[in-house]
Amino acid sequence: MNLKPETIAKIDQLVPRYPTQRSAALPLCHLVQEDQGYLSNEAIEWIAARLELEPINIQEIVTFYPMLRTEPVGKHHVRVCRTLPCALAGAYQTCRRLEQELSCKVGHTSEDGEFTLEYVECHADCGHGPVVMIGEEQYNDIDPDKASELAAKMKSGELPGGITYS
C-alpha cells in the first residue's frame, strides 16, 4: 500500500502518544481513509500489522463505525442529514430529488462512479436544514428545488467538492 509521506509521518507521530498501540486503531483508520479514500483489505491488513494486531481487530472497528468506508466513494460524495430537525424540514424529499437527478440510490454509488449519495446523522446546523454536504462543503436550507440546482452544478463541474485521492 502506498501512503503519502505526510500520512506516514502523522502515523509515526500519533502511535507513540497512546499507552497501548491498540488505542491508535481508530485514528489510524481515519488517517489511512483520508489518504486512500476508503479502507481496502490491504489497508486493514497494513493498519493491523503497524499496530501488531490481527486484521480482524481492525475489521471490527471498520464495520462498527459508519464513517469508515470499505468501498470507494464517487467523485462527489453527497451526504444528506436525516436527523429529526432536518427530516422535519424536508430532508427525505430532498434526498429523493437527489436520487432522481443523480441517478443514484441512497446508500450507493452511481454506475459511472461520479456520485455517492447517503444519509448521515447531524451536521450540527439544525436551524438551517435540510443540510447537505458535498465533499467537505456544507449547503443549508436545501429543499428539492435547490437539490436539483446542486445536482445540475455537480454534473456540469461548476460545483466544487469533488474528491481526488492519489
N, C-alpha and C. Protein backbone atom coordinates (compact mmCIF):
# COMPACT_ATOMS: atom_id res chain seq x y z
N MET A 1 0.85 -1.18 0.00
CA MET A 1 0.00 0.00 0.00
C MET A 1 0.89 1.24 0.00
N ASN A 2 0.55 2.19 -0.82
CA ASN A 2 1.33 3.41 -0.94
C ASN A 2 0.63 4.57 -0.24
N LEU A 3 1.10 4.89 0.95
CA LEU A 3 0.59 6.05 1.67
C LEU A 3 1.49 7.24 1.37
N LYS A 4 0.91 8.43 1.39
CA LYS A 4 1.70 9.64 1.20
C LYS A 4 2.70 9.78 2.34
N PRO A 5 3.87 10.34 2.07
CA PRO A 5 4.87 10.51 3.14
C PRO A 5 4.33 11.31 4.33
N GLU A 6 3.48 12.29 4.07
CA GLU A 6 2.94 13.09 5.19
C GLU A 6 1.98 12.25 6.04
N THR A 7 1.29 11.30 5.44
CA THR A 7 0.42 10.41 6.21
C THR A 7 1.26 9.50 7.10
N ILE A 8 2.32 8.95 6.54
CA ILE A 8 3.23 8.10 7.32
C ILE A 8 3.80 8.90 8.49
N ALA A 9 4.17 10.15 8.24
CA ALA A 9 4.72 10.99 9.31
C ALA A 9 3.69 11.22 10.42
N LYS A 10 2.44 11.47 10.04
CA LYS A 10 1.37 11.66 11.04
C LYS A 10 1.19 10.38 11.86
N ILE A 11 1.21 9.24 11.18
CA ILE A 11 1.04 7.97 11.88
C ILE A 11 2.20 7.74 12.85
N ASP A 12 3.41 8.01 12.39
CA ASP A 12 4.60 7.82 13.24
C ASP A 12 4.58 8.73 14.46
N GLN A 13 3.97 9.90 14.35
CA GLN A 13 3.84 10.80 15.49
C GLN A 13 2.68 10.39 16.40
N LEU A 14 1.63 9.85 15.81
CA LEU A 14 0.41 9.54 16.55
C LEU A 14 0.54 8.30 17.43
N VAL A 15 1.03 7.22 16.90
CA VAL A 15 1.04 5.94 17.62
C VAL A 15 1.73 6.02 18.98
N PRO A 16 2.90 6.64 19.09
CA PRO A 16 3.57 6.67 20.41
C PRO A 16 2.82 7.47 21.48
N ARG A 17 1.86 8.28 21.09
CA ARG A 17 1.10 9.07 22.06
C ARG A 17 0.13 8.22 22.87
N TYR A 18 -0.15 7.00 22.43
CA TYR A 18 -1.10 6.13 23.12
C TYR A 18 -0.36 5.16 24.03
N PRO A 19 -0.90 4.92 25.22
CA PRO A 19 -0.24 4.00 26.16
C PRO A 19 -0.19 2.56 25.62
N THR A 20 -1.20 2.17 24.85
CA THR A 20 -1.16 0.88 24.16
C THR A 20 -1.43 1.16 22.68
N GLN A 21 -0.69 0.48 21.82
CA GLN A 21 -0.81 0.72 20.38
C GLN A 21 -2.24 0.51 19.88
N ARG A 22 -2.93 -0.46 20.45
CA ARG A 22 -4.29 -0.79 20.02
C ARG A 22 -5.21 0.44 20.06
N SER A 23 -4.96 1.32 21.00
CA SER A 23 -5.79 2.52 21.15
C SER A 23 -5.67 3.47 19.96
N ALA A 24 -4.64 3.31 19.16
CA ALA A 24 -4.45 4.18 17.99
C ALA A 24 -5.19 3.65 16.77
N ALA A 25 -5.89 2.54 16.89
CA ALA A 25 -6.52 1.91 15.72
C ALA A 25 -7.52 2.83 15.01
N LEU A 26 -8.45 3.42 15.74
CA LEU A 26 -9.44 4.28 15.10
C LEU A 26 -8.80 5.50 14.45
N PRO A 27 -7.91 6.22 15.14
CA PRO A 27 -7.27 7.35 14.46
C PRO A 27 -6.49 6.93 13.21
N LEU A 28 -5.85 5.76 13.24
CA LEU A 28 -5.13 5.29 12.06
C LEU A 28 -6.09 4.98 10.92
N CYS A 29 -7.23 4.41 11.25
CA CYS A 29 -8.24 4.16 10.21
C CYS A 29 -8.64 5.47 9.53
N HIS A 30 -8.85 6.51 10.32
CA HIS A 30 -9.21 7.80 9.75
C HIS A 30 -8.09 8.35 8.86
N LEU A 31 -6.86 8.28 9.33
CA LEU A 31 -5.74 8.80 8.54
C LEU A 31 -5.57 8.04 7.23
N VAL A 32 -5.65 6.73 7.29
CA VAL A 32 -5.48 5.94 6.07
C VAL A 32 -6.66 6.17 5.12
N GLN A 33 -7.87 6.26 5.64
CA GLN A 33 -9.02 6.54 4.78
C GLN A 33 -8.89 7.92 4.14
N GLU A 34 -8.43 8.89 4.89
CA GLU A 34 -8.22 10.23 4.35
C GLU A 34 -7.22 10.19 3.20
N ASP A 35 -6.20 9.39 3.34
CA ASP A 35 -5.16 9.27 2.32
C ASP A 35 -5.63 8.47 1.10
N GLN A 36 -6.32 7.36 1.33
CA GLN A 36 -6.66 6.42 0.26
C GLN A 36 -8.10 6.57 -0.26
N GLY A 37 -8.96 7.22 0.51
CA GLY A 37 -10.36 7.37 0.10
C GLY A 37 -11.29 6.35 0.72
N TYR A 38 -10.75 5.21 1.10
CA TYR A 38 -11.52 4.16 1.75
C TYR A 38 -10.53 3.17 2.36
N LEU A 39 -11.04 2.20 3.10
CA LEU A 39 -10.18 1.22 3.75
C LEU A 39 -10.30 -0.12 3.03
N SER A 40 -9.37 -0.38 2.16
CA SER A 40 -9.35 -1.65 1.43
C SER A 40 -8.89 -2.76 2.37
N ASN A 41 -9.00 -4.00 1.93
CA ASN A 41 -8.49 -5.12 2.73
C ASN A 41 -6.99 -4.94 2.97
N GLU A 42 -6.28 -4.46 1.96
CA GLU A 42 -4.85 -4.22 2.10
C GLU A 42 -4.57 -3.17 3.18
N ALA A 43 -5.39 -2.12 3.22
CA ALA A 43 -5.23 -1.07 4.23
C ALA A 43 -5.50 -1.61 5.62
N ILE A 44 -6.55 -2.42 5.74
CA ILE A 44 -6.88 -3.01 7.05
C ILE A 44 -5.73 -3.89 7.53
N GLU A 45 -5.18 -4.67 6.63
CA GLU A 45 -4.04 -5.53 7.00
C GLU A 45 -2.82 -4.70 7.37
N TRP A 46 -2.59 -3.60 6.66
CA TRP A 46 -1.46 -2.73 6.95
C TRP A 46 -1.60 -2.11 8.33
N ILE A 47 -2.78 -1.60 8.65
CA ILE A 47 -3.02 -0.99 9.96
C ILE A 47 -2.81 -2.03 11.06
N ALA A 48 -3.36 -3.21 10.86
CA ALA A 48 -3.20 -4.29 11.84
C ALA A 48 -1.72 -4.60 12.07
N ALA A 49 -0.96 -4.72 10.99
CA ALA A 49 0.47 -5.03 11.11
C ALA A 49 1.20 -3.89 11.82
N ARG A 50 0.85 -2.65 11.48
CA ARG A 50 1.51 -1.48 12.10
C ARG A 50 1.29 -1.45 13.60
N LEU A 51 0.10 -1.91 14.04
CA LEU A 51 -0.25 -1.87 15.46
C LEU A 51 -0.04 -3.22 16.15
N GLU A 52 0.54 -4.17 15.43
CA GLU A 52 0.79 -5.51 15.96
C GLU A 52 -0.50 -6.16 16.45
N LEU A 53 -1.53 -6.07 15.61
CA LEU A 53 -2.83 -6.66 15.88
C LEU A 53 -3.19 -7.63 14.76
N GLU A 54 -4.27 -8.34 14.93
CA GLU A 54 -4.80 -9.19 13.88
C GLU A 54 -5.73 -8.35 13.00
N PRO A 55 -5.80 -8.63 11.71
CA PRO A 55 -6.71 -7.86 10.84
C PRO A 55 -8.16 -7.84 11.32
N ILE A 56 -8.62 -8.91 11.97
CA ILE A 56 -10.00 -8.93 12.46
C ILE A 56 -10.22 -7.83 13.50
N ASN A 57 -9.19 -7.48 14.25
CA ASN A 57 -9.33 -6.40 15.24
C ASN A 57 -9.62 -5.06 14.56
N ILE A 58 -9.03 -4.83 13.41
CA ILE A 58 -9.29 -3.60 12.66
C ILE A 58 -10.62 -3.71 11.93
N GLN A 59 -10.91 -4.87 11.38
CA GLN A 59 -12.18 -5.09 10.68
C GLN A 59 -13.36 -4.83 11.61
N GLU A 60 -13.25 -5.20 12.87
CA GLU A 60 -14.32 -4.95 13.85
C GLU A 60 -14.59 -3.45 13.99
N ILE A 61 -13.54 -2.67 14.00
CA ILE A 61 -13.68 -1.21 14.11
C ILE A 61 -14.32 -0.65 12.84
N VAL A 62 -13.81 -1.09 11.70
CA VAL A 62 -14.28 -0.58 10.41
C VAL A 62 -15.76 -0.88 10.20
N THR A 63 -16.21 -2.06 10.61
CA THR A 63 -17.62 -2.40 10.41
C THR A 63 -18.53 -1.77 11.46
N PHE A 64 -17.98 -1.31 12.57
CA PHE A 64 -18.78 -0.70 13.62
C PHE A 64 -19.10 0.77 13.31
N TYR A 65 -18.12 1.52 12.82
CA TYR A 65 -18.28 2.95 12.61
C TYR A 65 -18.74 3.26 11.18
N PRO A 66 -19.91 3.90 11.04
CA PRO A 66 -20.43 4.14 9.69
C PRO A 66 -19.62 5.16 8.88
N MET A 67 -18.77 5.94 9.53
CA MET A 67 -17.99 6.92 8.77
C MET A 67 -16.75 6.29 8.13
N LEU A 68 -16.49 5.03 8.46
CA LEU A 68 -15.38 4.31 7.83
C LEU A 68 -15.93 3.50 6.68
N ARG A 69 -15.28 3.63 5.52
CA ARG A 69 -15.78 3.01 4.30
C ARG A 69 -14.85 1.91 3.80
N THR A 70 -15.44 0.83 3.30
CA THR A 70 -14.65 -0.25 2.71
C THR A 70 -14.79 -0.28 1.19
N GLU A 71 -15.49 0.68 0.65
CA GLU A 71 -15.66 0.82 -0.80
C GLU A 71 -15.34 2.26 -1.18
N PRO A 72 -14.80 2.47 -2.37
CA PRO A 72 -14.54 3.85 -2.79
C PRO A 72 -15.84 4.63 -2.94
N VAL A 73 -15.78 5.92 -2.69
CA VAL A 73 -16.93 6.79 -2.91
C VAL A 73 -16.79 7.45 -4.27
N GLY A 74 -17.89 7.99 -4.75
CA GLY A 74 -17.88 8.68 -6.03
C GLY A 74 -17.08 9.96 -5.97
N LYS A 75 -16.86 10.52 -7.13
CA LYS A 75 -16.13 11.79 -7.22
C LYS A 75 -16.81 12.85 -6.35
N HIS A 76 -18.13 12.83 -6.34
CA HIS A 76 -18.91 13.74 -5.49
C HIS A 76 -19.58 12.91 -4.41
N HIS A 77 -19.15 13.12 -3.17
CA HIS A 77 -19.72 12.40 -2.02
C HIS A 77 -20.79 13.29 -1.42
N VAL A 78 -22.05 12.91 -1.61
CA VAL A 78 -23.19 13.73 -1.20
C VAL A 78 -23.83 13.09 0.03
N ARG A 79 -23.87 13.87 1.12
CA ARG A 79 -24.42 13.38 2.38
C ARG A 79 -25.57 14.28 2.82
N VAL A 80 -26.71 13.66 3.05
CA VAL A 80 -27.92 14.39 3.45
C VAL A 80 -28.21 14.06 4.91
N CYS A 81 -28.32 15.10 5.73
CA CYS A 81 -28.65 14.90 7.14
C CYS A 81 -30.11 14.47 7.25
N ARG A 82 -30.33 13.45 8.09
CA ARG A 82 -31.70 12.98 8.30
C ARG A 82 -32.11 13.00 9.77
N THR A 83 -31.36 13.73 10.59
CA THR A 83 -31.74 13.86 11.99
C THR A 83 -33.06 14.62 12.05
N LEU A 84 -33.77 14.50 13.15
CA LEU A 84 -35.15 15.00 13.25
C LEU A 84 -35.36 16.42 12.71
N PRO A 85 -34.57 17.43 13.11
CA PRO A 85 -34.84 18.77 12.57
C PRO A 85 -34.74 18.83 11.04
N CYS A 86 -33.75 18.16 10.47
CA CYS A 86 -33.62 18.16 9.01
C CYS A 86 -34.74 17.34 8.37
N ALA A 87 -35.10 16.21 9.00
CA ALA A 87 -36.19 15.39 8.47
C ALA A 87 -37.49 16.19 8.44
N LEU A 88 -37.76 16.91 9.51
CA LEU A 88 -38.98 17.72 9.56
C LEU A 88 -38.95 18.86 8.54
N ALA A 89 -37.77 19.32 8.21
CA ALA A 89 -37.63 20.41 7.23
C ALA A 89 -37.66 19.89 5.79
N GLY A 90 -37.68 18.56 5.60
CA GLY A 90 -37.82 18.02 4.25
C GLY A 90 -36.63 17.24 3.71
N ALA A 91 -35.77 16.74 4.59
CA ALA A 91 -34.57 16.03 4.13
C ALA A 91 -34.89 14.82 3.26
N TYR A 92 -35.95 14.08 3.57
CA TYR A 92 -36.26 12.89 2.78
C TYR A 92 -36.72 13.26 1.38
N GLN A 93 -37.46 14.34 1.24
CA GLN A 93 -37.88 14.81 -0.08
C GLN A 93 -36.65 15.31 -0.86
N THR A 94 -35.76 16.01 -0.16
CA THR A 94 -34.53 16.49 -0.78
C THR A 94 -33.70 15.32 -1.29
N CYS A 95 -33.58 14.29 -0.49
CA CYS A 95 -32.78 13.13 -0.89
C CYS A 95 -33.43 12.40 -2.06
N ARG A 96 -34.75 12.28 -2.07
CA ARG A 96 -35.43 11.64 -3.20
C ARG A 96 -35.16 12.39 -4.49
N ARG A 97 -35.15 13.71 -4.40
CA ARG A 97 -34.86 14.51 -5.60
C ARG A 97 -33.42 14.29 -6.06
N LEU A 98 -32.50 14.23 -5.11
CA LEU A 98 -31.10 13.96 -5.47
C LEU A 98 -30.96 12.58 -6.10
N GLU A 99 -31.69 11.59 -5.59
CA GLU A 99 -31.66 10.26 -6.20
C GLU A 99 -32.08 10.34 -7.67
N GLN A 100 -33.15 11.08 -7.95
CA GLN A 100 -33.64 11.22 -9.32
C GLN A 100 -32.64 11.95 -10.20
N GLU A 101 -32.16 13.08 -9.71
CA GLU A 101 -31.29 13.94 -10.52
C GLU A 101 -29.91 13.32 -10.78
N LEU A 102 -29.42 12.55 -9.80
CA LEU A 102 -28.07 11.98 -9.93
C LEU A 102 -28.08 10.53 -10.41
N SER A 103 -29.27 9.98 -10.60
CA SER A 103 -29.41 8.57 -10.99
C SER A 103 -28.61 7.67 -10.05
N CYS A 104 -28.82 7.90 -8.77
CA CYS A 104 -28.06 7.19 -7.74
C CYS A 104 -28.97 6.96 -6.55
N LYS A 105 -29.12 5.72 -6.16
CA LYS A 105 -29.92 5.39 -4.98
C LYS A 105 -29.15 5.74 -3.71
N VAL A 106 -29.87 6.18 -2.69
CA VAL A 106 -29.23 6.48 -1.42
C VAL A 106 -28.57 5.22 -0.89
N GLY A 107 -27.37 5.39 -0.36
CA GLY A 107 -26.59 4.27 0.14
C GLY A 107 -25.72 3.61 -0.91
N HIS A 108 -25.67 4.21 -2.10
CA HIS A 108 -24.92 3.60 -3.20
C HIS A 108 -24.09 4.64 -3.96
N THR A 109 -23.29 4.13 -4.87
CA THR A 109 -22.51 4.97 -5.78
C THR A 109 -23.08 4.77 -7.17
N SER A 110 -23.20 5.85 -7.93
CA SER A 110 -23.73 5.76 -9.29
C SER A 110 -22.83 4.86 -10.14
N GLU A 111 -23.41 4.27 -11.17
CA GLU A 111 -22.67 3.33 -12.03
C GLU A 111 -21.45 3.97 -12.68
N ASP A 112 -21.53 5.26 -12.96
CA ASP A 112 -20.39 5.93 -13.59
C ASP A 112 -19.33 6.38 -12.57
N GLY A 113 -19.58 6.13 -11.28
CA GLY A 113 -18.61 6.48 -10.24
C GLY A 113 -18.56 7.95 -9.90
N GLU A 114 -19.48 8.72 -10.43
CA GLU A 114 -19.47 10.17 -10.18
C GLU A 114 -20.04 10.55 -8.82
N PHE A 115 -21.08 9.85 -8.36
CA PHE A 115 -21.80 10.28 -7.17
C PHE A 115 -21.99 9.14 -6.18
N THR A 116 -21.77 9.45 -4.91
CA THR A 116 -22.17 8.58 -3.82
C THR A 116 -23.16 9.39 -3.00
N LEU A 117 -24.32 8.81 -2.74
CA LEU A 117 -25.38 9.50 -2.01
C LEU A 117 -25.70 8.71 -0.76
N GLU A 118 -25.68 9.38 0.38
CA GLU A 118 -26.01 8.68 1.62
C GLU A 118 -26.63 9.62 2.65
N TYR A 119 -27.37 8.99 3.55
CA TYR A 119 -27.88 9.72 4.71
C TYR A 119 -26.81 9.70 5.79
N VAL A 120 -26.76 10.76 6.56
CA VAL A 120 -25.88 10.82 7.72
C VAL A 120 -26.66 11.42 8.87
N GLU A 121 -26.09 11.30 10.04
CA GLU A 121 -26.70 11.87 11.22
C GLU A 121 -26.04 13.19 11.56
N CYS A 122 -26.81 14.20 11.70
CA CYS A 122 -26.47 15.51 12.22
C CYS A 122 -25.19 16.15 11.72
N HIS A 123 -25.39 17.21 10.95
CA HIS A 123 -24.28 18.07 10.53
C HIS A 123 -24.12 19.24 11.49
N ALA A 124 -24.91 19.25 12.57
CA ALA A 124 -24.82 20.26 13.63
C ALA A 124 -25.16 21.67 13.16
N ASP A 125 -26.14 21.76 12.28
CA ASP A 125 -26.63 23.06 11.84
C ASP A 125 -28.16 22.97 11.72
N CYS A 126 -28.77 22.52 12.81
CA CYS A 126 -30.19 22.16 12.83
C CYS A 126 -31.13 23.29 12.44
N GLY A 127 -30.75 24.51 12.66
CA GLY A 127 -31.62 25.64 12.34
C GLY A 127 -31.67 25.97 10.87
N HIS A 128 -30.86 25.28 10.07
CA HIS A 128 -30.77 25.60 8.64
C HIS A 128 -30.95 24.37 7.76
N GLY A 129 -31.76 23.43 8.23
CA GLY A 129 -31.95 22.20 7.47
C GLY A 129 -32.98 22.35 6.38
N PRO A 130 -33.01 21.40 5.50
CA PRO A 130 -32.13 20.25 5.39
C PRO A 130 -30.70 20.66 5.01
N VAL A 131 -29.76 19.98 5.63
CA VAL A 131 -28.35 20.24 5.38
C VAL A 131 -27.81 19.13 4.47
N VAL A 132 -27.06 19.54 3.45
CA VAL A 132 -26.43 18.61 2.52
C VAL A 132 -24.95 18.96 2.47
N MET A 133 -24.11 17.93 2.53
CA MET A 133 -22.67 18.15 2.34
C MET A 133 -22.26 17.48 1.04
N ILE A 134 -21.46 18.18 0.29
CA ILE A 134 -20.88 17.63 -0.94
C ILE A 134 -19.38 17.76 -0.77
N GLY A 135 -18.70 16.63 -0.67
CA GLY A 135 -17.30 16.66 -0.28
C GLY A 135 -17.24 17.22 1.13
N GLU A 136 -16.51 18.29 1.31
CA GLU A 136 -16.41 18.92 2.63
C GLU A 136 -17.14 20.26 2.68
N GLU A 137 -17.91 20.57 1.63
CA GLU A 137 -18.67 21.82 1.59
C GLU A 137 -20.10 21.57 2.08
N GLN A 138 -20.57 22.45 2.95
CA GLN A 138 -21.91 22.32 3.51
C GLN A 138 -22.87 23.29 2.83
N TYR A 139 -24.07 22.80 2.55
CA TYR A 139 -25.12 23.62 1.93
C TYR A 139 -26.36 23.52 2.82
N ASN A 140 -26.93 24.66 3.16
CA ASN A 140 -28.05 24.73 4.09
C ASN A 140 -29.36 25.04 3.38
N ASP A 141 -30.46 24.72 4.06
CA ASP A 141 -31.81 25.01 3.57
C ASP A 141 -32.03 24.44 2.17
N ILE A 142 -31.65 23.20 1.96
CA ILE A 142 -31.74 22.58 0.63
C ILE A 142 -33.07 21.85 0.47
N ASP A 143 -34.01 22.54 -0.15
CA ASP A 143 -35.29 21.93 -0.48
C ASP A 143 -35.12 21.17 -1.81
N PRO A 144 -36.13 20.45 -2.27
CA PRO A 144 -35.97 19.68 -3.51
C PRO A 144 -35.55 20.53 -4.73
N ASP A 145 -36.07 21.74 -4.86
CA ASP A 145 -35.67 22.57 -6.00
C ASP A 145 -34.20 22.97 -5.93
N LYS A 146 -33.74 23.33 -4.73
CA LYS A 146 -32.32 23.65 -4.56
C LYS A 146 -31.46 22.41 -4.77
N ALA A 147 -31.99 21.23 -4.41
CA ALA A 147 -31.26 19.98 -4.64
C ALA A 147 -31.06 19.77 -6.14
N SER A 148 -32.08 20.09 -6.94
CA SER A 148 -31.95 19.98 -8.40
C SER A 148 -30.86 20.91 -8.92
N GLU A 149 -30.81 22.12 -8.36
CA GLU A 149 -29.77 23.08 -8.76
C GLU A 149 -28.38 22.56 -8.40
N LEU A 150 -28.23 22.01 -7.19
CA LEU A 150 -26.94 21.46 -6.79
C LEU A 150 -26.54 20.30 -7.71
N ALA A 151 -27.49 19.43 -8.03
CA ALA A 151 -27.20 18.30 -8.92
C ALA A 151 -26.74 18.78 -10.28
N ALA A 152 -27.41 19.79 -10.82
CA ALA A 152 -27.01 20.33 -12.13
C ALA A 152 -25.61 20.91 -12.08
N LYS A 153 -25.29 21.60 -10.99
CA LYS A 153 -23.95 22.19 -10.86
C LYS A 153 -22.88 21.11 -10.71
N MET A 154 -23.19 20.02 -9.99
CA MET A 154 -22.22 18.93 -9.88
C MET A 154 -21.99 18.30 -11.24
N LYS A 155 -23.06 18.05 -11.97
CA LYS A 155 -22.95 17.42 -13.28
C LYS A 155 -22.15 18.27 -14.26
N SER A 156 -22.29 19.58 -14.17
CA SER A 156 -21.60 20.48 -15.10
C SER A 156 -20.15 20.76 -14.69
N GLY A 157 -19.80 20.33 -13.47
CA GLY A 157 -18.45 20.60 -12.97
C GLY A 157 -18.31 21.98 -12.36
N GLU A 158 -19.42 22.70 -12.29
CA GLU A 158 -19.43 24.05 -11.76
C GLU A 158 -19.29 24.09 -10.24
N LEU A 159 -19.70 23.00 -9.59
CA LEU A 159 -19.71 22.96 -8.13
C LEU A 159 -18.44 22.31 -7.60
N PRO A 160 -17.72 23.00 -6.73
CA PRO A 160 -16.55 22.36 -6.12
C PRO A 160 -17.00 21.26 -5.17
N GLY A 161 -16.05 20.52 -4.67
CA GLY A 161 -16.40 19.48 -3.72
C GLY A 161 -16.05 18.10 -4.21
N GLY A 162 -15.52 18.02 -5.42
CA GLY A 162 -15.10 16.72 -5.91
C GLY A 162 -13.95 16.19 -5.09
N ILE A 163 -13.83 14.88 -5.00
CA ILE A 163 -12.82 14.23 -4.18
C ILE A 163 -11.75 13.65 -5.09
N THR A 164 -10.51 13.89 -4.76
CA THR A 164 -9.42 13.31 -5.51
C THR A 164 -8.50 12.59 -4.55
N TYR A 165 -8.27 11.32 -4.77
CA TYR A 165 -7.36 10.53 -3.96
C TYR A 165 -6.21 10.08 -4.84
N SER A 166 -5.03 10.00 -4.25
CA SER A 166 -3.89 9.53 -5.05
C SER A 166 -3.71 8.05 -4.88
